[in-house]
C-alpha atoms as a PDB file:
ATOM      1  CA  UNK A   1     108.866  70.561  39.128  1.00  0.00           C
ATOM      2  CA  UNK A   2     111.027  67.767  40.706  1.00  0.00           C
ATOM      3  CA  UNK A   3     113.496  70.289  39.856  1.00  0.00           C
ATOM      4  CA  UNK A   4     112.089  72.729  41.510  1.00  0.00           C
ATOM      5  CA  UNK A   5     111.766  70.475  44.993  1.00  0.00           C
ATOM      6  CA  UNK A   6     114.868  69.492  44.638  1.00  0.00           C
ATOM      7  CA  UNK A   7     116.855  73.225  44.112  1.00  0.00           C
ATOM      8  CA  UNK A   8     114.547  74.129  47.124  1.00  0.00           C
ATOM      9  CA  UNK A   9     115.822  71.298  49.224  1.00  0.00           C
ATOM     10  CA  UNK A  10     119.533  72.423  48.034  1.00  0.00           C
ATOM     11  CA  UNK A  11     118.673  75.936  49.140  1.00  0.00           C
ATOM     12  CA  UNK A  12     117.507  74.508  52.647  1.00  0.00           C
ATOM     13  CA  UNK A  13     120.592  72.420  53.562  1.00  0.00           C
ATOM     14  CA  UNK A  14     122.788  75.214  52.013  1.00  0.00           C
ATOM     15  CA  UNK A  15     121.777  77.724  54.653  1.00  0.00           C
ATOM     16  CA  UNK A  16     120.637  75.863  57.472  1.00  0.00           C
ATOM     17  CA  UNK A  17     122.701  78.102  59.598  1.00  0.00           C
ATOM     18  CA  UNK A  18     120.460  81.339  59.182  1.00  0.00           C
ATOM     19  CA  UNK A  19     117.412  80.245  61.886  1.00  0.00           C
ATOM     20  CA  UNK A  20     119.482  79.254  64.915  1.00  0.00           C
ATOM     21  CA  UNK A  21     121.877  82.400  64.409  1.00  0.00           C
ATOM     22  CA  UNK A  22     118.477  84.515  64.177  1.00  0.00           C
ATOM     23  CA  UNK A  23     117.750  82.963  67.324  1.00  0.00           C
ATOM     24  CA  UNK A  24     121.208  83.277  68.958  1.00  0.00           C
ATOM     25  CA  UNK A  25     121.556  87.300  67.802  1.00  0.00           C
ATOM     26  CA  UNK A  26     117.807  87.529  69.514  1.00  0.00           C
ATOM     27  CA  UNK A  27     118.985  86.057  72.520  1.00  0.00           C
ATOM     28  CA  UNK A  28     122.056  88.230  72.806  1.00  0.00           C
ATOM     29  CA  UNK A  29     119.697  91.246  71.752  1.00  0.00           C
ATOM     30  CA  UNK A  30     117.317  90.326  74.567  1.00  0.00           C
ATOM     31  CA  UNK A  31     120.239  89.880  76.994  1.00  0.00           C
ATOM     32  CA  UNK A  32     122.081  93.171  76.157  1.00  0.00           C
ATOM     33  CA  UNK A  33     118.939  95.127  76.506  1.00  0.00           C
ATOM     34  CA  UNK A  34     118.348  93.778  79.774  1.00  0.00           C
ATOM     35  CA  UNK A  35     121.717  94.563  81.011  1.00  0.00           C
ATOM     36  CA  UNK A  36     121.782  98.452  79.790  1.00  0.00           C
ATOM     37  CA  UNK A  37     118.092  98.584  81.533  1.00  0.00           C
ATOM     38  CA  UNK A  38     119.968  97.127  84.706  1.00  0.00           C
ATOM     39  CA  UNK A  39     122.927  99.118  84.132  1.00  0.00           C
ATOM     40  CA  UNK A  40     120.588 102.484  83.965  1.00  0.00           C
ATOM     41  CA  UNK A  41     118.656 101.915  87.511  1.00  0.00           C
ATOM     42  CA  UNK A  42     122.502 101.011  89.464  1.00  0.00           C
ATOM     43  CA  UNK A  43     123.529 104.339  87.867  1.00  0.00           C
ATOM     44  CA  UNK A  44     120.491 106.355  88.146  1.00  0.00           C
ATOM     45  CA  UNK A  45     121.449 108.326  91.442  1.00  0.00           C
ATOM     46  CA  UNK A  46     124.779 108.923  89.717  1.00  0.00           C
ATOM     47  CA  UNK A  47     123.697 110.097  86.453  1.00  0.00           C
ATOM     48  CA  UNK A  48     120.753 112.377  87.729  1.00  0.00           C
ATOM     49  CA  UNK A  49     123.842 113.842  90.450  1.00  0.00           C
ATOM     50  CA  UNK A  50     125.733 114.774  86.935  1.00  0.00           C
ATOM     51  CA  UNK A  51     122.809 116.335  84.862  1.00  0.00           C
ATOM     52  CA  UNK A  52     122.491 118.407  88.343  1.00  0.00           C
ATOM     53  CA  UNK A  53     126.142 119.433  88.494  1.00  0.00           C
ATOM     54  CA  UNK A  54     126.539 120.495  84.830  1.00  0.00           C
ATOM     55  CA  UNK A  55     123.075 122.520  85.201  1.00  0.00           C
ATOM     56  CA  UNK A  56     124.767 123.790  88.010  1.00  0.00           C
ATOM     57  CA  UNK A  57     127.925 125.006  85.821  1.00  0.00           C
ATOM     58  CA  UNK A  58     125.533 126.434  83.127  1.00  0.00           C
ATOM     59  CA  UNK A  59     123.642 128.656  85.340  1.00  0.00           C
ATOM     60  CA  UNK A  60     126.924 129.957  87.112  1.00  0.00           C
ATOM     61  CA  UNK A  61     128.166 130.846  83.816  1.00  0.00           C
ATOM     62  CA  UNK A  62     124.614 133.013  83.524  1.00  0.00           C
ATOM     63  CA  UNK A  63     125.375 134.096  87.076  1.00  0.00           C
ATOM     64  CA  UNK A  64     128.844 135.498  86.788  1.00  0.00           C
ATOM     65  CA  UNK A  65     127.972 137.452  83.575  1.00  0.00           C
ATOM     66  CA  UNK A  66     125.181 138.870  85.061  1.00  0.00           C
ATOM     67  CA  UNK A  67     127.011 140.515  87.538  1.00  0.00           C
ATOM     68  CA  UNK A  68     129.522 141.116  85.299  1.00  0.00           C
ATOM     69  CA  UNK A  69     126.871 143.254  83.376  1.00  0.00           C
ATOM     70  CA  UNK A  70     125.560 144.518  86.708  1.00  0.00           C
ATOM     71  CA  UNK A  71     129.044 146.083  87.103  1.00  0.00           C
ATOM     72  CA  UNK A  72     129.061 147.516  84.143  1.00  0.00           C
ATOM     73  CA  UNK A  73     126.158 149.117  84.467  1.00  0.00           C
ATOM     74  CA  UNK A  74     126.586 150.929  87.915  1.00  0.00           C
ATOM     75  CA  UNK A  75     129.987 152.377  86.358  1.00  0.00           C
ATOM     76  CA  UNK A  76     127.721 154.158  83.644  1.00  0.00           C
ATOM     77  CA  UNK A  77     125.328 155.110  85.977  1.00  0.00           C
ATOM     78  CA  UNK A  78     128.031 156.661  87.999  1.00  0.00           C
ATOM     79  CA  UNK A  79     129.616 158.451  85.174  1.00  0.00           C
ATOM     80  CA  UNK A  80     126.541 159.783  83.744  1.00  0.00           C
ATOM     81  CA  UNK A  81     125.861 161.420  87.197  1.00  0.00           C
ATOM     82  CA  UNK A  82     128.823 163.180  87.329  1.00  0.00           C
ATOM     83  CA  UNK A  83     127.641 164.884  84.127  1.00  0.00           C
ATOM     84  CA  UNK A  84     124.165 165.457  85.646  1.00  0.00           C
ATOM     85  CA  UNK A  85     122.530 162.706  83.388  1.00  0.00           C
ATOM     86  CA  UNK A  86     121.888 159.996  86.362  1.00  0.00           C
ATOM     87  CA  UNK A  87     119.631 161.099  89.311  1.00  0.00           C
ATOM     88  CA  UNK A  88     121.286 159.326  92.769  1.00  0.00           C
ATOM     89  CA  UNK A  89     117.988 156.962  92.830  1.00  0.00           C
ATOM     90  CA  UNK A  90     119.406 155.725  89.465  1.00  0.00           C
ATOM     91  CA  UNK A  91     122.628 154.729  91.626  1.00  0.00           C
ATOM     92  CA  UNK A  92     120.624 153.186  94.444  1.00  0.00           C
ATOM     93  CA  UNK A  93     119.218 151.120  92.231  1.00  0.00           C
ATOM     94  CA  UNK A  94     122.165 149.951  89.887  1.00  0.00           C
ATOM     95  CA  UNK A  95     124.374 148.863  93.353  1.00  0.00           C
ATOM     96  CA  UNK A  96     120.961 146.911  94.691  1.00  0.00           C
ATOM     97  CA  UNK A  97     121.187 145.189  91.450  1.00  0.00           C
ATOM     98  CA  UNK A  98     124.555 144.697  91.522  1.00  0.00           C
ATOM     99  CA  UNK A  99     124.389 142.881  94.602  1.00  0.00           C
ATOM    100  CA  UNK A 100     121.498 141.197  93.906  1.00  0.00           C
ATOM    101  CA  UNK A 101     123.649 139.813  91.531  1.00  0.00           C
ATOM    102  CA  UNK A 102     126.598 139.046  93.578  1.00  0.00           C
ATOM    103  CA  UNK A 103     124.647 137.190  95.934  1.00  0.00           C
ATOM    104  CA  UNK A 104     123.097 134.773  92.956  1.00  0.00           C
ATOM    105  CA  UNK A 105     127.075 134.245  92.252  1.00  0.00           C
ATOM    106  CA  UNK A 106     127.557 133.210  95.279  1.00  0.00           C
ATOM    107  CA  UNK A 107     124.729 131.529  95.320  1.00  0.00           C
ATOM    108  CA  UNK A 108     125.514 129.258  92.508  1.00  0.00           C
ATOM    109  CA  UNK A 109     128.929 128.982  93.085  1.00  0.00           C
ATOM    110  CA  UNK A 110     127.614 126.937  95.911  1.00  0.00           C
ATOM    111  CA  UNK A 111     125.116 124.962  94.115  1.00  0.00           C
ATOM    112  CA  UNK A 112     128.413 123.799  92.006  1.00  0.00           C
ATOM    113  CA  UNK A 113     129.871 122.570  95.495  1.00  0.00           C
ATOM    114  CA  UNK A 114     126.669 120.998  96.708  1.00  0.00           C
ATOM    115  CA  UNK A 115     126.335 119.526  93.199  1.00  0.00           C
ATOM    116  CA  UNK A 116     130.013 117.751  93.386  1.00  0.00           C
ATOM    117  CA  UNK A 117     129.445 116.388  96.715  1.00  0.00           C
ATOM    118  CA  UNK A 118     126.361 115.005  95.494  1.00  0.00           C
ATOM    119  CA  UNK A 119     128.343 113.063  93.010  1.00  0.00           C
ATOM    120  CA  UNK A 120     130.945 111.751  94.781  1.00  0.00           C
ATOM    121  CA  UNK A 121     128.425 110.211  97.398  1.00  0.00           C
ATOM    122  CA  UNK A 122     126.244 108.971  94.631  1.00  0.00           C
ATOM    123  CA  UNK A 123     129.199 107.730  92.844  1.00  0.00           C
ATOM    124  CA  UNK A 124     130.744 105.805  95.744  1.00  0.00           C
ATOM    125  CA  UNK A 125     126.704 104.421  96.647  1.00  0.00           C
ATOM    126  CA  UNK A 126     126.637 102.646  93.128  1.00  0.00           C
ATOM    127  CA  UNK A 127     125.053  99.131  93.959  1.00  0.00           C
ATOM    128  CA  UNK A 128     127.339  96.216  92.759  1.00  0.00           C
ATOM    129  CA  UNK A 129     125.736  94.227  89.461  1.00  0.00           C
ATOM    130  CA  UNK A 130     123.416  91.422  91.056  1.00  0.00           C
ATOM    131  CA  UNK A 131     122.429  93.680  94.049  1.00  0.00           C
ATOM    132  CA  UNK A 132     118.879  93.142  95.088  1.00  0.00           C
ATOM    133  CA  UNK A 133     116.377  95.156  93.241  1.00  0.00           C
ATOM    134  CA  UNK A 134     115.219  96.810  96.589  1.00  0.00           C
ATOM    135  CA  UNK A 135     118.997  98.027  97.075  1.00  0.00           C
ATOM    136  CA  UNK A 136     118.680 100.235  93.806  1.00  0.00           C
ATOM    137  CA  UNK A 137     118.489 103.827  94.008  1.00  0.00           C
ATOM    138  CA  UNK A 138     114.632 104.264  93.113  1.00  0.00           C
ATOM    139  CA  UNK A 139     114.084 101.690  95.717  1.00  0.00           C
ATOM    140  CA  UNK A 140     115.415 103.302  98.519  1.00  0.00           C
ATOM    141  CA  UNK A 141     114.089 106.606  97.646  1.00  0.00           C
ATOM    142  CA  UNK A 142     110.683 105.434  97.435  1.00  0.00           C
ATOM    143  CA  UNK A 143     111.532 103.605 101.017  1.00  0.00           C
ATOM    144  CA  UNK A 144     112.593 106.907 102.272  1.00  0.00           C
ATOM    145  CA  UNK A 145     109.158 108.215 100.864  1.00  0.00           C
ATOM    146  CA  UNK A 146     107.545 105.992 102.607  1.00  0.00           C
ATOM    147  CA  UNK A 147     109.294 106.473 105.982  1.00  0.00           C
ATOM    148  CA  UNK A 148     108.298 109.907 105.642  1.00  0.00           C
ATOM    149  CA  UNK A 149     104.621 108.902 105.328  1.00  0.00           C
ATOM    150  CA  UNK A 150     104.831 106.311 108.004  1.00  0.00           C
ATOM    151  CA  UNK A 151     106.219 109.037 110.758  1.00  0.00           C
ATOM    152  CA  UNK A 152     103.289 111.048 109.909  1.00  0.00           C
ATOM    153  CA  UNK A 153     100.652 108.357 110.034  1.00  0.00           C
ATOM    154  CA  UNK A 154     101.629 107.174 113.667  1.00  0.00           C
ATOM    155  CA  UNK A 155     100.396 110.503 115.189  1.00  0.00           C
ATOM    156  CA  UNK A 156      96.892 109.713 113.008  1.00  0.00           C
ATOM    157  CA  UNK A 157      96.283 106.126 113.359  1.00  0.00           C
ATOM    158  CA  UNK A 158      97.895 106.145 117.487  1.00  0.00           C
ATOM    159  CA  UNK A 159      94.912 107.520 119.524  1.00  0.00           C
ATOM    160  CA  UNK A 160      97.105 108.258 122.132  1.00  0.00           C
ATOM    161  CA  UNK A 161      99.874 109.996 120.010  1.00  0.00           C
ATOM    162  CA  UNK A 162      96.915 112.075 118.141  1.00  0.00           C
ATOM    163  CA  UNK A 163      95.701 113.209 121.848  1.00  0.00           C
ATOM    164  CA  UNK A 164      98.937 114.371 122.622  1.00  0.00           C
ATOM    165  CA  UNK A 165      99.785 115.677 119.350  1.00  0.00           C
ATOM    166  CA  UNK A 166      96.288 117.238 117.665  1.00  0.00           C
ATOM    167  CA  UNK A 167      98.436 119.976 115.558  1.00  0.00           C
ATOM    168  CA  UNK A 168      99.947 117.364 113.424  1.00  0.00           C
ATOM    169  CA  UNK A 169      95.916 116.432 112.380  1.00  0.00           C
ATOM    170  CA  UNK A 170      95.397 119.878 111.886  1.00  0.00           C
ATOM    171  CA  UNK A 171      95.264 121.575 108.476  1.00  0.00           C
ATOM    172  CA  UNK A 172      95.166 125.083 109.875  1.00  0.00           C
ATOM    173  CA  UNK A 173      98.488 124.786 111.638  1.00  0.00           C
ATOM    174  CA  UNK A 174     100.828 126.520 108.668  1.00  0.00           C
ATOM    175  CA  UNK A 175     103.278 123.874 108.977  1.00  0.00           C
ATOM    176  CA  UNK A 176     101.186 121.260 108.962  1.00  0.00           C
ATOM    177  CA  UNK A 177      99.468 122.327 106.009  1.00  0.00           C
ATOM    178  CA  UNK A 178     102.521 122.880 104.271  1.00  0.00           C
ATOM    179  CA  UNK A 179     103.789 119.793 104.506  1.00  0.00           C
ATOM    180  CA  UNK A 180     100.869 118.172 103.465  1.00  0.00           C
ATOM    181  CA  UNK A 181     101.211 120.279 100.288  1.00  0.00           C
ATOM    182  CA  UNK A 182     104.846 119.065  99.797  1.00  0.00           C
ATOM    183  CA  UNK A 183     103.834 115.230 100.539  1.00  0.00           C
ATOM    184  CA  UNK A 184     100.906 115.250  97.673  1.00  0.00           C
ATOM    185  CA  UNK A 185     103.840 116.664  95.680  1.00  0.00           C
ATOM    186  CA  UNK A 186     106.223 113.836  96.427  1.00  0.00           C
ATOM    187  CA  UNK A 187     103.304 111.463  95.792  1.00  0.00           C
ATOM    188  CA  UNK A 188     102.871 113.296  92.103  1.00  0.00           C
ATOM    189  CA  UNK A 189     106.333 112.566  91.101  1.00  0.00           C
ATOM    190  CA  UNK A 190     106.432 109.062  92.839  1.00  0.00           C
ATOM    191  CA  UNK A 191     106.604 106.235  89.851  1.00  0.00           C
ATOM    192  CA  UNK A 192     104.213 103.777  89.836  1.00  0.00           C
ATOM    193  CA  UNK A 193     106.925 100.832  91.166  1.00  0.00           C
ATOM    194  CA  UNK A 194     110.802 100.753  91.782  1.00  0.00           C
ATOM    195  CA  UNK A 195     111.403  98.681  88.601  1.00  0.00           C
ATOM    196  CA  UNK A 196     109.664 101.442  86.723  1.00  0.00           C
ATOM    197  CA  UNK A 197     111.253 103.530  84.073  1.00  0.00           C
ATOM    198  CA  UNK A 198     112.688 106.835  84.882  1.00  0.00           C
ATOM    199  CA  UNK A 199     114.791 109.423  83.516  1.00  0.00           C
ATOM    200  CA  UNK A 200     117.475 111.267  85.745  1.00  0.00           C
ATOM    201  CA  UNK A 201     115.921 114.455  85.403  1.00  0.00           C
ATOM    202  CA  UNK A 202     112.267 112.524  86.811  1.00  0.00           C
ATOM    203  CA  UNK A 203     114.453 111.010  89.587  1.00  0.00           C
ATOM    204  CA  UNK A 204     115.864 114.727  90.265  1.00  0.00           C
ATOM    205  CA  UNK A 205     112.248 115.939  90.750  1.00  0.00           C
ATOM    206  CA  UNK A 206     111.235 112.880  92.774  1.00  0.00           C
ATOM    207  CA  UNK A 207     114.458 113.385  95.318  1.00  0.00           C
ATOM    208  CA  UNK A 208     113.699 116.955  95.535  1.00  0.00           C
ATOM    209  CA  UNK A 209     110.283 116.752  96.151  1.00  0.00           C
ATOM    210  CA  UNK A 210     111.352 113.782  99.070  1.00  0.00           C
ATOM    211  CA  UNK A 211     113.208 115.776 100.603  1.00  0.00           C
ATOM    212  CA  UNK A 212     111.734 118.729 101.025  1.00  0.00           C
ATOM    213  CA  UNK A 213     108.372 116.641 102.153  1.00  0.00           C
ATOM    214  CA  UNK A 214     110.746 115.588 104.602  1.00  0.00           C
ATOM    215  CA  UNK A 215     112.103 118.592 105.883  1.00  0.00           C
ATOM    216  CA  UNK A 216     108.668 120.433 106.280  1.00  0.00           C
ATOM    217  CA  UNK A 217     107.720 117.046 108.203  1.00  0.00           C
ATOM    218  CA  UNK A 218     110.440 117.841 110.627  1.00  0.00           C
ATOM    219  CA  UNK A 219     109.156 121.630 111.231  1.00  0.00           C
ATOM    220  CA  UNK A 220     105.344 120.134 111.365  1.00  0.00           C
ATOM    221  CA  UNK A 221     106.548 117.867 114.181  1.00  0.00           C
ATOM    222  CA  UNK A 222     108.650 120.347 116.119  1.00  0.00           C
ATOM    223  CA  UNK A 223     105.602 122.670 115.834  1.00  0.00           C
ATOM    224  CA  UNK A 224     103.237 120.026 117.315  1.00  0.00           C
ATOM    225  CA  UNK A 225     105.802 119.583 119.750  1.00  0.00           C
ATOM    226  CA  UNK A 226     105.699 123.306 120.697  1.00  0.00           C
ATOM    227  CA  UNK A 227     101.877 123.805 120.641  1.00  0.00           C
ATOM    228  CA  UNK A 228     101.307 120.370 123.149  1.00  0.00           C
ATOM    229  CA  UNK A 229     103.744 122.521 125.509  1.00  0.00           C
ATOM    230  CA  UNK A 230     107.011 120.410 124.952  1.00  0.00           C
ATOM    231  CA  UNK A 231     110.165 121.181 123.945  1.00  0.00           C
ATOM    232  CA  UNK A 232     110.636 120.748 120.111  1.00  0.00           C
ATOM    233  CA  UNK A 233     114.013 118.925 120.712  1.00  0.00           C
ATOM    234  CA  UNK A 234     113.195 116.677 122.249  1.00  0.00           C
ATOM    235  CA  UNK A 235     110.289 115.487 119.349  1.00  0.00           C
ATOM    236  CA  UNK A 236     111.557 112.796 116.309  1.00  0.00           C
ATOM    237  CA  UNK A 237     114.025 110.649 118.312  1.00  0.00           C
ATOM    238  CA  UNK A 238     113.447 106.949 119.050  1.00  0.00           C
ATOM    239  CA  UNK A 239     114.626 107.307 122.380  1.00  0.00           C
ATOM    240  CA  UNK A 240     111.753 109.380 123.003  1.00  0.00           C
ATOM    241  CA  UNK A 241     108.968 106.079 122.936  1.00  0.00           C
ATOM    242  CA  UNK A 242     108.650 106.392 126.761  1.00  0.00           C
ATOM    243  CA  UNK A 243     108.077 109.984 126.766  1.00  0.00           C
ATOM    244  CA  UNK A 244     105.565 109.537 124.247  1.00  0.00           C
ATOM    245  CA  UNK A 245     103.723 107.374 126.830  1.00  0.00           C
ATOM    246  CA  UNK A 246     104.162 109.881 129.803  1.00  0.00           C
ATOM    247  CA  UNK A 247     102.863 112.466 127.432  1.00  0.00           C
ATOM    248  CA  UNK A 248      99.974 110.593 126.092  1.00  0.00           C
ATOM    249  CA  UNK A 249      98.905 109.511 129.670  1.00  0.00           C
ATOM    250  CA  UNK A 250      98.788 112.890 131.136  1.00  0.00           C
ATOM    251  CA  UNK A 251      96.414 114.406 128.076  1.00  0.00           C
ATOM    252  CA  UNK A 252      94.585 111.298 128.812  1.00  0.00           C
ATOM    253  CA  UNK A 253      94.404 112.060 132.342  1.00  0.00           C
ATOM    254  CA  UNK A 254      93.206 115.663 131.865  1.00  0.00           C
ATOM    255  CA  UNK A 255      90.667 114.426 129.540  1.00  0.00           C
ATOM    256  CA  UNK A 256      89.597 111.762 131.866  1.00  0.00           C
ATOM    257  CA  UNK A 257      89.739 114.672 134.565  1.00  0.00           C
ATOM    258  CA  UNK A 258      87.736 117.008 132.763  1.00  0.00           C
ATOM    259  CA  UNK A 259      84.816 114.729 132.195  1.00  0.00           C
ATOM    260  CA  UNK A 260      84.516 113.365 135.630  1.00  0.00           C
ATOM    261  CA  UNK A 261      84.391 117.261 136.193  1.00  0.00           C
ATOM    262  CA  UNK A 262      81.330 117.766 133.877  1.00  0.00           C
ATOM    263  CA  UNK A 263      79.908 114.294 135.143  1.00  0.00           C
ATOM    264  CA  UNK A 264      79.855 115.824 138.764  1.00  0.00           C
ATOM    265  CA  UNK A 265      78.652 119.162 137.469  1.00  0.00           C
ATOM    266  CA  UNK A 266      75.829 117.453 135.616  1.00  0.00           C
ATOM    267  CA  UNK A 267      74.942 115.582 138.634  1.00  0.00           C
ATOM    268  CA  UNK A 268      74.978 118.386 141.054  1.00  0.00           C
ATOM    269  CA  UNK A 269      72.655 120.350 138.908  1.00  0.00           C
ATOM    270  CA  UNK A 270      70.420 117.370 138.201  1.00  0.00           C
ATOM    271  CA  UNK A 271      69.955 117.132 142.305  1.00  0.00           C
ATOM    272  CA  UNK A 272      69.717 120.890 142.246  1.00  0.00           C
ATOM    273  CA  UNK A 273      66.624 120.720 139.966  1.00  0.00           C
ATOM    274  CA  UNK A 274      65.140 117.605 141.587  1.00  0.00           C
ATOM    275  CA  UNK A 275      65.107 119.745 145.157  1.00  0.00           C
ATOM    276  CA  UNK A 276      63.476 122.256 143.904  1.00  0.00           C
ATOM    277  CA  UNK A 277      60.833 121.080 141.902  1.00  0.00           C
ATOM    278  CA  UNK A 278      60.722 118.754 145.130  1.00  0.00           C
ATOM    279  CA  UNK A 279      59.955 122.059 147.169  1.00  0.00           C
ATOM    280  CA  UNK A 280      57.431 123.186 144.784  1.00  0.00           C
ATOM    281  CA  UNK A 281      55.479 119.906 145.313  1.00  0.00           C
ATOM    282  CA  UNK A 282      55.318 120.529 149.082  1.00  0.00           C
ATOM    283  CA  UNK A 283      54.667 124.228 148.766  1.00  0.00           C
ATOM    284  CA  UNK A 284      51.444 123.254 146.387  1.00  0.00           C
ATOM    285  CA  UNK A 285      47.988 122.640 148.564  1.00  0.00           C
ATOM    286  CA  UNK A 286      46.502 119.526 147.442  1.00  0.00           C
ATOM    287  CA  UNK A 287      43.484 118.713 146.438  1.00  0.00           C
END
């Protein structure tokens, strides 16, 4: 028994370094995982843009192949028409198909150019190590989404703006309804927090939804200004703040005038009723 205890003690003395080494390896692994997450978060927008460029190139290859097939099909139908085996309608349909394929090919090439420009912009905008998390790509995108919602809420919570531009609160206006629909899609893609793990594909979907919502709000805002009787181009500028108060004052003045006219009309009607009633009372014989 004593020999067994002595043997265990010798083994522990021999491998005393195992536990500290394991703890150190665990700490290094944790730091590595954390650093990897931070790097992915910093480069999330760039990675998403690179994936978009990759997909755009794949789509362009397919579009070019479809255009070649449509060109060959038109040549075949032209040849068959010369021998009387194809009708003129077949030739016209083949030409329309070729035109559609060529437009798709041109659109795919334009998409590649846009994707390349986005990659360049995102590469230049990659935050440095140690950057405040609120400046990371996902946090910036969520802040842009919040800014769109805040601009719309100004029309909802400010009584003067709501009175001056009621169309931005009316879902029966098509532009307003479209904005609310697209903003709902953006909220569906919105992550729980700026530090939530997100794949490049999820980031791209959320960014596209936010972009669509922002454009739709601009259209809805200009339409609201137009329906209010003002120039749409005057709408979404910070320098228009004095104009807000002027428009709101005009709207409030119109409302006050309307209320005053209604009150005057009601008073006149009441006076007329009292005069008629008094006249009837005088005409009636007293008992």
